[in-house]
Amino acid sequence: MKTWINFVELRKQLDFADVLKHYNVGLEPKGEAGQHVGKCPLPNHPDAKGKSFSANFEKGVWQCFGCHESGNVIDFAVLMAGKNKKDGKDVRETAVFLRDRFVQTPEVRRPPATSEQKPAGEAKPLKEGVVNQPLDFALKTLEGDHPYFHDHGLTAETVSRFGLGYCKRGSLTGRIAVPLLDDAEQLVGYSGLILDEAKVSEGNPRYIFPTEREVEGVLHMFKKGRFLYNGFRLGKAVKDLLVVRECHTVWHLYQGGFVNVVALMGDECSREQAATFPMLTADGARIWLLTDSSEESENAGRCFLPQVASSRLCRWVKVDREEEIAPDHPLLRALPKR
């Protein structure tokens, strides 16, 4: 199984100054806090002259105005190692090195059990819980031809592309299983979508998410706030990005030709998700938040915009009902599909 890396979390944990020191790169401060400049150290820029290389230690980003390379701290380490920052294997291998070299992973124990629940014998310590870890299994008996898909206007191609299927066993019984793939296209869990929307009003959640489980003494957790649904399909630095609340809206928009669309998986935008948007989009990119007029959508907008609009141009497109967030809606027809 591939080594799992939470790239967003790793970038937050890395100190850019330490990484530069490791590669014997010296820069001098200039201008705003955290900004440093110097000669470009990249091996693919051997004829570098002047102070064309600029890095912001606080933001963890850099660019060279000579060779026109740019990226984050992991991208920098990839290039310094003579590898390709667009090659997923090269990026993952470098990220593992950076994690092992600069980030310590402490061990923690669970809180002590009470006398009523304490098991016999001494409890074994658990390593710190890992988040959104790749699964060591995949669901094999999902029904991709369930009537739900036809009734909701989804083609067989769309169902297959997103790996959807009706689940008849396990914790997702009676729901549509939705595979959740991280930015390395690794399966980190399944979400379960309810079939009967009427049951949502009766207190049943529309989506259920993976619960905690212990694997070889390590606590595995899924946190949707550290995940963007369909984010792995985005190309590098897209110019226009559509953001919706739920997975099922992504399917309909993607089927209608909107390629660059992701879902928050709820009515909140976490700090981790907000930090991801500048990495997925180019400078000057536009991000379109598409919602209905429900209270949950209002909450999503008030949470999303203050965090993301500081770094990217954002537009909030609202329709009356959720089912109107569709490719043929007048407000969406003018939006870029790529």
C-alpha atoms as a PDB file:
ATOM      1  CA  MET A   1       0.000   0.000   0.000  1.00  0.00           C
ATOM      2  CA  LYS A   2       1.261   3.502  -0.827  1.00  0.00           C
ATOM      3  CA  THR A   3       2.659   5.683   1.940  1.00  0.00           C
ATOM      4  CA  TRP A   4      -0.097   8.096   2.913  1.00  0.00           C
ATOM      5  CA  ILE A   5       0.616  11.780   3.295  1.00  0.00           C
ATOM      6  CA  ASN A   6      -1.767  14.565   4.271  1.00  0.00           C
ATOM      7  CA  PHE A   7      -0.152  17.176   2.027  1.00  0.00           C
ATOM      8  CA  VAL A   8      -2.108  20.142   3.388  1.00  0.00           C
ATOM      9  CA  GLU A   9      -1.230  19.248   6.978  1.00  0.00           C
ATOM     10  CA  LEU A  10       2.408  18.585   6.105  1.00  0.00           C
ATOM     11  CA  ARG A  11       2.800  21.985   4.446  1.00  0.00           C
ATOM     12  CA  LYS A  12       1.484  23.603   7.631  1.00  0.00           C
ATOM     13  CA  GLN A  13       3.953  21.670   9.772  1.00  0.00           C
ATOM     14  CA  LEU A  14       7.051  22.363   7.699  1.00  0.00           C
ATOM     15  CA  ASP A  15       9.247  25.369   8.471  1.00  0.00           C
ATOM     16  CA  PHE A  16      10.398  26.779   5.124  1.00  0.00           C
ATOM     17  CA  ALA A  17      13.532  28.223   6.729  1.00  0.00           C
ATOM     18  CA  ASP A  18      14.541  24.759   7.975  1.00  0.00           C
ATOM     19  CA  VAL A  19      14.022  23.233   4.558  1.00  0.00           C
ATOM     20  CA  LEU A  20      16.116  25.942   2.898  1.00  0.00           C
ATOM     21  CA  LYS A  21      18.877  25.427   5.472  1.00  0.00           C
ATOM     22  CA  HIS A  22      18.875  21.697   4.713  1.00  0.00           C
ATOM     23  CA  TYR A  23      19.640  22.505   1.068  1.00  0.00           C
ATOM     24  CA  ASN A  24      22.260  25.111   2.046  1.00  0.00           C
ATOM     25  CA  VAL A  25      20.173  27.936   0.632  1.00  0.00           C
ATOM     26  CA  GLY A  26      20.603  31.374   2.172  1.00  0.00           C
ATOM     27  CA  LEU A  27      18.108  34.171   1.534  1.00  0.00           C
ATOM     28  CA  GLU A  28      17.853  37.668   2.923  1.00  0.00           C
ATOM     29  CA  PRO A  29      14.666  39.310   4.254  1.00  0.00           C
ATOM     30  CA  LYS A  30      13.013  41.963   2.145  1.00  0.00           C
ATOM     31  CA  GLY A  31       9.742  43.868   2.297  1.00  0.00           C
ATOM     32  CA  GLU A  32       6.742  42.384   4.069  1.00  0.00           C
ATOM     33  CA  ALA A  33       7.050  40.018   7.002  1.00  0.00           C
ATOM     34  CA  GLY A  34       8.218  36.581   5.972  1.00  0.00           C
ATOM     35  CA  GLN A  35       9.397  37.651   2.516  1.00  0.00           C
ATOM     36  CA  HIS A  36      12.966  36.695   1.507  1.00  0.00           C
ATOM     37  CA  VAL A  37      14.952  36.960  -1.724  1.00  0.00           C
ATOM     38  CA  GLY A  38      18.171  35.604  -3.185  1.00  0.00           C
ATOM     39  CA  LYS A  39      19.803  33.816  -6.076  1.00  0.00           C
ATOM     40  CA  CYS A  40      17.726  30.961  -7.488  1.00  0.00           C
ATOM     41  CA  PRO A  41      19.065  27.680  -6.058  1.00  0.00           C
ATOM     42  CA  LEU A  42      17.132  25.292  -8.318  1.00  0.00           C
ATOM     43  CA  PRO A  43      19.326  22.788 -10.169  1.00  0.00           C
ATOM     44  CA  ASN A  44      17.384  23.403 -13.388  1.00  0.00           C
ATOM     45  CA  HIS A  45      18.456  27.063 -13.259  1.00  0.00           C
ATOM     46  CA  PRO A  46      22.278  26.805 -13.248  1.00  0.00           C
ATOM     47  CA  ASP A  47      22.822  30.201 -14.887  1.00  0.00           C
ATOM     48  CA  ALA A  48      20.781  32.101 -12.276  1.00  0.00           C
ATOM     49  CA  LYS A  49      21.822  35.710 -11.778  1.00  0.00           C
ATOM     50  CA  GLY A  50      20.745  38.384  -9.354  1.00  0.00           C
ATOM     51  CA  LYS A  51      18.048  37.955  -6.723  1.00  0.00           C
ATOM     52  CA  SER A  52      15.333  36.432  -8.876  1.00  0.00           C
ATOM     53  CA  PHE A  53      14.200  33.920  -6.245  1.00  0.00           C
ATOM     54  CA  SER A  54      11.536  35.065  -3.776  1.00  0.00           C
ATOM     55  CA  ALA A  55      10.103  33.040  -0.880  1.00  0.00           C
ATOM     56  CA  ASN A  56       7.533  33.839   1.781  1.00  0.00           C
ATOM     57  CA  PHE A  57       8.330  31.856   4.911  1.00  0.00           C
ATOM     58  CA  GLU A  58       4.982  32.560   6.556  1.00  0.00           C
ATOM     59  CA  LYS A  59       2.885  31.494   3.576  1.00  0.00           C
ATOM     60  CA  GLY A  60       5.210  28.664   2.559  1.00  0.00           C
ATOM     61  CA  VAL A  61       5.298  29.675  -1.113  1.00  0.00           C
ATOM     62  CA  TRP A  62       8.023  30.753  -3.539  1.00  0.00           C
ATOM     63  CA  GLN A  63       8.713  31.763  -7.127  1.00  0.00           C
ATOM     64  CA  CYS A  64      11.627  32.543  -9.386  1.00  0.00           C
ATOM     65  CA  PHE A  65      11.269  35.391 -11.851  1.00  0.00           C
ATOM     66  CA  GLY A  66      14.164  33.995 -13.881  1.00  0.00           C
ATOM     67  CA  CYS A  67      13.233  30.370 -14.547  1.00  0.00           C
ATOM     68  CA  HIS A  68       9.516  31.045 -13.859  1.00  0.00           C
ATOM     69  CA  GLU A  69       9.168  28.115 -11.492  1.00  0.00           C
ATOM     70  CA  SER A  70       6.910  28.501  -8.447  1.00  0.00           C
ATOM     71  CA  GLY A  71       5.075  26.491  -5.838  1.00  0.00           C
ATOM     72  CA  ASN A  72       4.986  25.526  -2.182  1.00  0.00           C
ATOM     73  CA  VAL A  73       7.673  24.144   0.127  1.00  0.00           C
ATOM     74  CA  ILE A  74       7.111  20.554  -1.056  1.00  0.00           C
ATOM     75  CA  ASP A  75       7.399  21.604  -4.707  1.00  0.00           C
ATOM     76  CA  PHE A  76      10.686  23.312  -3.829  1.00  0.00           C
ATOM     77  CA  ALA A  77      12.103  20.146  -2.255  1.00  0.00           C
ATOM     78  CA  VAL A  78      10.976  18.064  -5.240  1.00  0.00           C
ATOM     79  CA  LEU A  79      12.878  20.305  -7.662  1.00  0.00           C
ATOM     80  CA  MET A  80      15.925  20.491  -5.403  1.00  0.00           C
ATOM     81  CA  ALA A  81      16.040  16.691  -5.537  1.00  0.00           C
ATOM     82  CA  GLY A  82      16.041  16.841  -9.341  1.00  0.00           C
ATOM     83  CA  LYS A  83      12.554  15.368  -9.577  1.00  0.00           C
ATOM     84  CA  ASN A  84       9.337  16.333 -11.362  1.00  0.00           C
ATOM     85  CA  LYS A  85       6.814  18.276  -9.264  1.00  0.00           C
ATOM     86  CA  LYS A  86       4.023  17.157 -11.620  1.00  0.00           C
ATOM     87  CA  ASP A  87       4.816  13.483 -11.041  1.00  0.00           C
ATOM     88  CA  GLY A  88       2.678  12.150  -8.191  1.00  0.00           C
ATOM     89  CA  LYS A  89       5.237   9.489  -7.257  1.00  0.00           C
ATOM     90  CA  ASP A  90       8.081  12.028  -7.062  1.00  0.00           C
ATOM     91  CA  VAL A  91       5.975  14.390  -4.957  1.00  0.00           C
ATOM     92  CA  ARG A  92       4.886  11.629  -2.586  1.00  0.00           C
ATOM     93  CA  GLU A  93       8.437  10.318  -2.115  1.00  0.00           C
ATOM     94  CA  THR A  94       9.722  13.802  -1.378  1.00  0.00           C
ATOM     95  CA  ALA A  95       6.862  14.478   1.028  1.00  0.00           C
ATOM     96  CA  VAL A  96       7.694  11.300   2.952  1.00  0.00           C
ATOM     97  CA  PHE A  97      11.314  12.449   3.222  1.00  0.00           C
ATOM     98  CA  LEU A  98      10.275  15.898   4.470  1.00  0.00           C
ATOM     99  CA  ARG A  99       7.898  14.411   7.009  1.00  0.00           C
ATOM    100  CA  ASP A 100      10.489  11.990   8.343  1.00  0.00           C
ATOM    101  CA  ARG A 101      13.235  14.627   8.355  1.00  0.00           C
ATOM    102  CA  PHE A 102      11.409  17.641   9.782  1.00  0.00           C
ATOM    103  CA  VAL A 103       8.150  16.526  11.404  1.00  0.00           C
ATOM    104  CA  GLN A 104       8.084  14.427  14.545  1.00  0.00           C
ATOM    105  CA  THR A 105       5.047  12.232  15.187  1.00  0.00           C
ATOM    106  CA  PRO A 106       4.592  11.842  18.966  1.00  0.00           C
ATOM    107  CA  GLU A 107       2.813   8.898  20.510  1.00  0.00           C
ATOM    108  CA  VAL A 108      -0.206   9.516  22.702  1.00  0.00           C
ATOM    109  CA  ARG A 109      -2.406   7.358  24.836  1.00  0.00           C
ATOM    110  CA  ARG A 110      -6.169   7.232  25.100  1.00  0.00           C
ATOM    111  CA  PRO A 111      -7.647   8.814  28.245  1.00  0.00           C
ATOM    112  CA  PRO A 112      -7.599   6.352  31.167  1.00  0.00           C
ATOM    113  CA  ALA A 113     -10.646   4.082  31.282  1.00  0.00           C
ATOM    114  CA  THR A 114     -12.982   4.256  34.254  1.00  0.00           C
ATOM    115  CA  SER A 115     -13.216   1.316  36.641  1.00  0.00           C
ATOM    116  CA  GLU A 116     -16.424   0.214  34.911  1.00  0.00           C
ATOM    117  CA  GLN A 117     -14.959   0.173  31.427  1.00  0.00           C
ATOM    118  CA  LYS A 118     -11.282  -0.618  32.050  1.00  0.00           C
ATOM    119  CA  PRO A 119     -10.405  -3.924  30.345  1.00  0.00           C
ATOM    120  CA  ALA A 120      -8.427  -6.649  32.007  1.00  0.00           C
ATOM    121  CA  GLY A 121      -4.687  -6.231  31.678  1.00  0.00           C
ATOM    122  CA  GLU A 122      -2.737  -3.123  30.745  1.00  0.00           C
ATOM    123  CA  ALA A 123      -4.023  -1.193  27.742  1.00  0.00           C
ATOM    124  CA  LYS A 124      -1.639  -0.896  24.827  1.00  0.00           C
ATOM    125  CA  PRO A 125      -0.669   2.650  23.839  1.00  0.00           C
ATOM    126  CA  LEU A 126      -2.031   3.930  20.556  1.00  0.00           C
ATOM    127  CA  LYS A 127      -0.032   6.066  18.193  1.00  0.00           C
ATOM    128  CA  GLU A 128      -1.467   9.462  17.440  1.00  0.00           C
ATOM    129  CA  GLY A 129      -4.606   9.093  15.360  1.00  0.00           C
ATOM    130  CA  VAL A 130      -4.110   9.336  11.608  1.00  0.00           C
ATOM    131  CA  VAL A 131      -6.594  11.285   9.539  1.00  0.00           C
ATOM    132  CA  ASN A 132      -8.008  10.278   6.142  1.00  0.00           C
ATOM    133  CA  GLN A 133      -5.677   7.299   5.861  1.00  0.00           C
ATOM    134  CA  PRO A 134      -6.019   5.125   2.723  1.00  0.00           C
ATOM    135  CA  LEU A 135      -8.213   2.087   3.229  1.00  0.00           C
ATOM    136  CA  ASP A 136      -6.874  -1.438   3.030  1.00  0.00           C
ATOM    137  CA  PHE A 137     -10.100  -2.641   1.403  1.00  0.00           C
ATOM    138  CA  ALA A 138     -12.682  -1.642  -1.201  1.00  0.00           C
ATOM    139  CA  LEU A 139     -16.383  -2.420  -1.461  1.00  0.00           C
ATOM    140  CA  LYS A 140     -16.888  -4.999  -4.204  1.00  0.00           C
ATOM    141  CA  THR A 141     -20.649  -5.635  -4.358  1.00  0.00           C
ATOM    142  CA  LEU A 142     -22.071  -2.185  -5.081  1.00  0.00           C
ATOM    143  CA  GLU A 143     -24.985  -1.986  -7.523  1.00  0.00           C
ATOM    144  CA  GLY A 144     -24.216   0.554 -10.217  1.00  0.00           C
ATOM    145  CA  ASP A 145     -27.518  -0.033 -12.011  1.00  0.00           C
ATOM    146  CA  HIS A 146     -29.800   0.785  -9.086  1.00  0.00           C
ATOM    147  CA  PRO A 147     -33.002   2.672 -10.084  1.00  0.00           C
ATOM    148  CA  TYR A 148     -31.889   5.635  -7.940  1.00  0.00           C
ATOM    149  CA  PHE A 149     -29.412   6.721 -10.595  1.00  0.00           C
ATOM    150  CA  HIS A 150     -31.885   6.666 -13.484  1.00  0.00           C
ATOM    151  CA  ASP A 151     -34.541   8.408 -11.372  1.00  0.00           C
ATOM    152  CA  HIS A 152     -32.076  11.209 -10.585  1.00  0.00           C
ATOM    153  CA  GLY A 153     -30.886  11.674 -14.156  1.00  0.00           C
ATOM    154  CA  LEU A 154     -27.404  10.194 -13.765  1.00  0.00           C
ATOM    155  CA  THR A 155     -25.948   8.306 -16.705  1.00  0.00           C
ATOM    156  CA  ALA A 156     -24.148   4.989 -16.421  1.00  0.00           C
ATOM    157  CA  GLU A 157     -20.950   6.788 -17.440  1.00  0.00           C
ATOM    158  CA  THR A 158     -21.265   9.261 -14.566  1.00  0.00           C
ATOM    159  CA  VAL A 159     -22.028   6.489 -12.074  1.00  0.00           C
ATOM    160  CA  SER A 160     -18.974   4.575 -13.232  1.00  0.00           C
ATOM    161  CA  ARG A 161     -16.696   7.612 -13.291  1.00  0.00           C
ATOM    162  CA  PHE A 162     -17.446   8.414  -9.650  1.00  0.00           C
ATOM    163  CA  GLY A 163     -17.527   4.765  -8.572  1.00  0.00           C
ATOM    164  CA  LEU A 164     -21.053   5.017  -7.151  1.00  0.00           C
ATOM    165  CA  GLY A 165     -23.245   2.099  -6.178  1.00  0.00           C
ATOM    166  CA  TYR A 166     -26.111   0.982  -3.971  1.00  0.00           C
ATOM    167  CA  CYS A 167     -24.862  -0.815  -0.872  1.00  0.00           C
ATOM    168  CA  LYS A 168     -26.697  -3.855   0.520  1.00  0.00           C
ATOM    169  CA  ARG A 169     -24.444  -4.749   3.437  1.00  0.00           C
ATOM    170  CA  GLY A 170     -22.372  -3.210   6.199  1.00  0.00           C
ATOM    171  CA  SER A 171     -22.659   0.262   7.715  1.00  0.00           C
ATOM    172  CA  LEU A 172     -23.861   1.801   4.423  1.00  0.00           C
ATOM    173  CA  THR A 173     -26.740  -0.659   3.923  1.00  0.00           C
ATOM    174  CA  GLY A 174     -29.617   0.955   2.051  1.00  0.00           C
ATOM    175  CA  ARG A 175     -27.570   3.957   0.919  1.00  0.00           C
ATOM    176  CA  ILE A 176     -25.581   5.002  -2.125  1.00  0.00           C
ATOM    177  CA  ALA A 177     -21.902   4.387  -1.410  1.00  0.00           C
ATOM    178  CA  VAL A 178     -19.709   7.320  -2.453  1.00  0.00           C
ATOM    179  CA  PRO A 179     -15.955   6.590  -2.736  1.00  0.00           C
ATOM    180  CA  LEU A 180     -13.791   9.348  -1.264  1.00  0.00           C
ATOM    181  CA  LEU A 181     -10.420   9.765  -2.994  1.00  0.00           C
ATOM    182  CA  ASP A 182      -7.671  12.062  -1.748  1.00  0.00           C
ATOM    183  CA  ASP A 183      -5.365  14.243  -3.856  1.00  0.00           C
ATOM    184  CA  ALA A 184      -3.153  11.227  -4.549  1.00  0.00           C
ATOM    185  CA  GLU A 185      -6.213   9.315  -5.871  1.00  0.00           C
ATOM    186  CA  GLN A 186      -6.153   6.970  -2.891  1.00  0.00           C
ATOM    187  CA  LEU A 187      -9.395   5.664  -1.400  1.00  0.00           C
ATOM    188  CA  VAL A 188      -9.677   7.065   2.132  1.00  0.00           C
ATOM    189  CA  GLY A 189     -13.271   6.126   2.892  1.00  0.00           C
ATOM    190  CA  TYR A 190     -16.882   5.873   1.768  1.00  0.00           C
ATOM    191  CA  SER A 191     -19.738   8.211   2.422  1.00  0.00           C
ATOM    192  CA  GLY A 192     -23.333   6.997   2.322  1.00  0.00           C
ATOM    193  CA  LEU A 193     -26.098   9.030   0.641  1.00  0.00           C
ATOM    194  CA  ILE A 194     -29.682   8.436   1.726  1.00  0.00           C
ATOM    195  CA  LEU A 195     -32.110   7.351  -1.002  1.00  0.00           C
ATOM    196  CA  ASP A 196     -35.320   8.792   0.372  1.00  0.00           C
ATOM    197  CA  GLU A 197     -35.040  12.552   0.930  1.00  0.00           C
ATOM    198  CA  ALA A 198     -38.245  12.476   2.976  1.00  0.00           C
ATOM    199  CA  LYS A 199     -36.361  10.598   5.685  1.00  0.00           C
ATOM    200  CA  VAL A 200     -33.918  13.494   6.068  1.00  0.00           C
ATOM    201  CA  SER A 201     -36.707  15.609   7.549  1.00  0.00           C
ATOM    202  CA  GLU A 202     -37.328  12.808  10.043  1.00  0.00           C
ATOM    203  CA  GLY A 203     -33.891  13.275  11.562  1.00  0.00           C
ATOM    204  CA  ASN A 204     -31.862  10.923   9.383  1.00  0.00           C
ATOM    205  CA  PRO A 205     -28.651  12.438   7.993  1.00  0.00           C
ATOM    206  CA  ARG A 206     -28.455  12.854   4.236  1.00  0.00           C
ATOM    207  CA  TYR A 207     -24.861  11.624   4.307  1.00  0.00           C
ATOM    208  CA  ILE A 208     -23.073   9.419   6.799  1.00  0.00           C
ATOM    209  CA  PHE A 209     -19.284   9.312   7.031  1.00  0.00           C
ATOM    210  CA  PRO A 210     -16.668   6.775   8.155  1.00  0.00           C
ATOM    211  CA  THR A 211     -16.429   6.206  11.886  1.00  0.00           C
ATOM    212  CA  GLU A 212     -13.223   5.827  13.865  1.00  0.00           C
ATOM    213  CA  ARG A 213     -11.551   2.431  13.750  1.00  0.00           C
ATOM    214  CA  GLU A 214      -8.406   0.938  15.204  1.00  0.00           C
ATOM    215  CA  VAL A 215      -5.864  -0.649  12.858  1.00  0.00           C
ATOM    216  CA  GLU A 216      -2.854  -2.366  14.404  1.00  0.00           C
ATOM    217  CA  GLY A 217      -2.938  -0.116  17.444  1.00  0.00           C
ATOM    218  CA  VAL A 218      -3.412   3.107  15.469  1.00  0.00           C
ATOM    219  CA  LEU A 219      -6.641   5.100  15.530  1.00  0.00           C
ATOM    220  CA  HIS A 220      -7.884   5.840  11.989  1.00  0.00           C
ATOM    221  CA  MET A 221     -10.234   8.808  11.607  1.00  0.00           C
ATOM    222  CA  PHE A 222     -11.998  10.490   8.711  1.00  0.00           C
ATOM    223  CA  LYS A 223     -12.453  14.262   8.900  1.00  0.00           C
ATOM    224  CA  LYS A 224     -14.424  15.839   6.095  1.00  0.00           C
ATOM    225  CA  GLY A 225     -12.987  19.246   7.001  1.00  0.00           C
ATOM    226  CA  ARG A 226      -9.645  18.035   5.639  1.00  0.00           C
ATOM    227  CA  PHE A 227     -11.106  16.830   2.375  1.00  0.00           C
ATOM    228  CA  LEU A 228     -12.516  18.337  -0.817  1.00  0.00           C
ATOM    229  CA  TYR A 229     -14.692  15.956  -2.790  1.00  0.00           C
ATOM    230  CA  ASN A 230     -13.517  15.564  -6.408  1.00  0.00           C
ATOM    231  CA  GLY A 231     -10.458  17.721  -5.717  1.00  0.00           C
ATOM    232  CA  PHE A 232      -8.115  15.040  -7.043  1.00  0.00           C
ATOM    233  CA  ARG A 233      -9.505  15.517 -10.557  1.00  0.00           C
ATOM    234  CA  LEU A 234      -8.449  19.154 -10.793  1.00  0.00           C
ATOM    235  CA  GLY A 235      -5.489  20.054 -12.921  1.00  0.00           C
ATOM    236  CA  LYS A 236      -2.707  22.224 -11.586  1.00  0.00           C
ATOM    237  CA  ALA A 237      -3.734  25.819 -10.889  1.00  0.00           C
ATOM    238  CA  VAL A 238      -7.143  26.010 -12.582  1.00  0.00           C
ATOM    239  CA  LYS A 239      -8.450  29.401 -13.647  1.00  0.00           C
ATOM    240  CA  ASP A 240     -12.073  28.857 -12.640  1.00  0.00           C
ATOM    241  CA  LEU A 241     -13.334  26.631  -9.848  1.00  0.00           C
ATOM    242  CA  LEU A 242     -16.911  25.813  -8.864  1.00  0.00           C
ATOM    243  CA  VAL A 243     -17.609  24.969  -5.221  1.00  0.00           C
ATOM    244  CA  VAL A 244     -20.803  23.315  -3.981  1.00  0.00           C
ATOM    245  CA  ARG A 245     -21.889  21.898  -0.637  1.00  0.00           C
ATOM    246  CA  GLU A 246     -22.660  18.247  -1.388  1.00  0.00           C
ATOM    247  CA  CYS A 247     -21.253  15.382  -3.464  1.00  0.00           C
ATOM    248  CA  HIS A 248     -24.416  14.701  -5.480  1.00  0.00           C
ATOM    249  CA  THR A 249     -24.379  18.245  -6.883  1.00  0.00           C
ATOM    250  CA  VAL A 250     -20.881  17.583  -8.237  1.00  0.00           C
ATOM    251  CA  TRP A 251     -22.154  14.597 -10.248  1.00  0.00           C
ATOM    252  CA  HIS A 252     -24.810  16.595 -12.083  1.00  0.00           C
ATOM    253  CA  LEU A 253     -22.507  19.534 -12.824  1.00  0.00           C
ATOM    254  CA  TYR A 254     -19.688  17.258 -13.979  1.00  0.00           C
ATOM    255  CA  GLN A 255     -22.116  15.370 -16.189  1.00  0.00           C
ATOM    256  CA  GLY A 256     -23.128  18.704 -17.690  1.00  0.00           C
ATOM    257  CA  GLY A 257     -19.562  19.581 -18.634  1.00  0.00           C
ATOM    258  CA  PHE A 258     -18.355  21.527 -15.579  1.00  0.00           C
ATOM    259  CA  VAL A 259     -15.005  19.816 -15.051  1.00  0.00           C
ATOM    260  CA  ASN A 260     -13.525  21.903 -12.240  1.00  0.00           C
ATOM    261  CA  VAL A 261     -16.032  21.428  -9.440  1.00  0.00           C
ATOM    262  CA  VAL A 262     -15.524  20.335  -5.826  1.00  0.00           C
ATOM    263  CA  ALA A 263     -17.753  19.870  -2.780  1.00  0.00           C
ATOM    264  CA  LEU A 264     -17.218  21.009   0.811  1.00  0.00           C
ATOM    265  CA  MET A 265     -19.216  18.000   2.017  1.00  0.00           C
ATOM    266  CA  GLY A 266     -21.382  20.092   4.308  1.00  0.00           C
ATOM    267  CA  ASP A 267     -22.366  23.614   5.268  1.00  0.00           C
ATOM    268  CA  GLU A 268     -18.972  24.636   6.659  1.00  0.00           C
ATOM    269  CA  CYS A 269     -15.600  25.502   5.161  1.00  0.00           C
ATOM    270  CA  SER A 270     -12.741  24.515   7.454  1.00  0.00           C
ATOM    271  CA  ARG A 271      -9.444  26.357   7.685  1.00  0.00           C
ATOM    272  CA  GLU A 272      -7.756  23.384   6.037  1.00  0.00           C
ATOM    273  CA  GLN A 273     -10.146  23.479   3.108  1.00  0.00           C
ATOM    274  CA  ALA A 274      -9.801  27.245   2.760  1.00  0.00           C
ATOM    275  CA  ALA A 275      -6.008  26.912   2.675  1.00  0.00           C
ATOM    276  CA  THR A 276      -6.306  24.413  -0.168  1.00  0.00           C
ATOM    277  CA  PHE A 277      -8.111  26.696  -2.625  1.00  0.00           C
ATOM    278  CA  PRO A 278      -5.109  28.963  -3.397  1.00  0.00           C
ATOM    279  CA  MET A 279      -3.079  25.817  -4.093  1.00  0.00           C
ATOM    280  CA  LEU A 280      -5.670  24.485  -6.542  1.00  0.00           C
ATOM    281  CA  THR A 281      -6.125  27.726  -8.450  1.00  0.00           C
ATOM    282  CA  ALA A 282      -3.925  30.093 -10.414  1.00  0.00           C
ATOM    283  CA  ASP A 283      -3.194  33.681  -9.449  1.00  0.00           C
ATOM    284  CA  GLY A 284      -6.165  35.777 -10.532  1.00  0.00           C
ATOM    285  CA  ALA A 285      -8.433  32.736 -10.630  1.00  0.00           C
ATOM    286  CA  ARG A 286     -12.151  32.974  -9.954  1.00  0.00           C
ATOM    287  CA  ILE A 287     -13.942  30.759  -7.461  1.00  0.00           C
ATOM    288  CA  TRP A 288     -17.712  30.388  -7.761  1.00  0.00           C
ATOM    289  CA  LEU A 289     -19.687  29.266  -4.722  1.00  0.00           C
ATOM    290  CA  LEU A 290     -22.984  27.739  -5.876  1.00  0.00           C
ATOM    291  CA  THR A 291     -25.757  27.286  -3.322  1.00  0.00           C
ATOM    292  CA  ASP A 292     -29.499  27.379  -2.876  1.00  0.00           C
ATOM    293  CA  SER A 293     -31.230  29.788  -0.497  1.00  0.00           C
ATOM    294  CA  SER A 294     -31.550  27.458   2.494  1.00  0.00           C
ATOM    295  CA  GLU A 295     -30.303  28.342   5.955  1.00  0.00           C
ATOM    296  CA  GLU A 296     -27.586  25.684   5.644  1.00  0.00           C
ATOM    297  CA  SER A 297     -26.366  27.281   2.421  1.00  0.00           C
ATOM    298  CA  GLU A 298     -26.347  30.707   4.025  1.00  0.00           C
ATOM    299  CA  ASN A 299     -24.141  29.285   6.764  1.00  0.00           C
ATOM    300  CA  ALA A 300     -21.827  27.810   4.147  1.00  0.00           C
ATOM    301  CA  GLY A 301     -21.488  31.134   2.358  1.00  0.00           C
ATOM    302  CA  ARG A 302     -20.807  33.107   5.525  1.00  0.00           C
ATOM    303  CA  CYS A 303     -18.156  30.567   6.476  1.00  0.00           C
ATOM    304  CA  PHE A 304     -16.568  30.215   3.036  1.00  0.00           C
ATOM    305  CA  LEU A 305     -16.292  33.761   1.713  1.00  0.00           C
ATOM    306  CA  PRO A 306     -14.322  35.483   4.524  1.00  0.00           C
ATOM    307  CA  GLN A 307     -11.667  32.769   4.410  1.00  0.00           C
ATOM    308  CA  VAL A 308     -11.234  32.383   0.657  1.00  0.00           C
ATOM    309  CA  ALA A 309     -11.972  35.862  -0.707  1.00  0.00           C
ATOM    310  CA  SER A 310      -8.783  37.245   0.845  1.00  0.00           C
ATOM    311  CA  SER A 311      -6.669  35.312  -1.671  1.00  0.00           C
ATOM    312  CA  ARG A 312      -8.963  34.719  -4.659  1.00  0.00           C
ATOM    313  CA  LEU A 313     -11.766  36.507  -6.465  1.00  0.00           C
ATOM    314  CA  CYS A 314     -14.968  34.878  -5.223  1.00  0.00           C
ATOM    315  CA  ARG A 315     -18.537  35.043  -6.480  1.00  0.00           C
ATOM    316  CA  TRP A 316     -21.544  33.636  -4.661  1.00  0.00           C
ATOM    317  CA  VAL A 317     -24.252  32.383  -7.036  1.00  0.00           C
ATOM    318  CA  LYS A 318     -27.532  31.581  -5.280  1.00  0.00           C
ATOM    319  CA  VAL A 319     -30.616  29.861  -6.668  1.00  0.00           C
ATOM    320  CA  ASP A 320     -33.929  29.197  -4.928  1.00  0.00           C
ATOM    321  CA  ARG A 321     -33.818  25.398  -4.632  1.00  0.00           C
ATOM    322  CA  GLU A 322     -30.998  22.874  -4.558  1.00  0.00           C
ATOM    323  CA  GLU A 323     -32.218  21.027  -7.656  1.00  0.00           C
ATOM    324  CA  GLU A 324     -31.737  24.268  -9.624  1.00  0.00           C
ATOM    325  CA  ILE A 325     -27.953  24.016  -9.218  1.00  0.00           C
ATOM    326  CA  ALA A 326     -27.823  22.358 -12.612  1.00  0.00           C
ATOM    327  CA  PRO A 327     -25.983  22.956 -15.917  1.00  0.00           C
ATOM    328  CA  ASP A 328     -29.108  24.262 -17.646  1.00  0.00           C
ATOM    329  CA  HIS A 329     -29.949  26.940 -15.066  1.00  0.00           C
ATOM    330  CA  PRO A 330     -29.670  30.471 -16.586  1.00  0.00           C
ATOM    331  CA  LEU A 331     -27.291  31.648 -13.867  1.00  0.00           C
ATOM    332  CA  LEU A 332     -24.935  28.747 -14.502  1.00  0.00           C
ATOM    333  CA  ARG A 333     -24.923  28.711 -18.283  1.00  0.00           C
ATOM    334  CA  ALA A 334     -22.526  31.646 -18.449  1.00  0.00           C
ATOM    335  CA  LEU A 335     -20.014  30.074 -16.061  1.00  0.00           C
ATOM    336  CA  PRO A 336     -16.813  28.628 -17.566  1.00  0.00           C
ATOM    337  CA  LYS A 337     -16.795  24.847 -17.839  1.00  0.00           C
ATOM    338  CA  ARG A 338     -13.018  24.473 -17.828  1.00  0.00           C
END
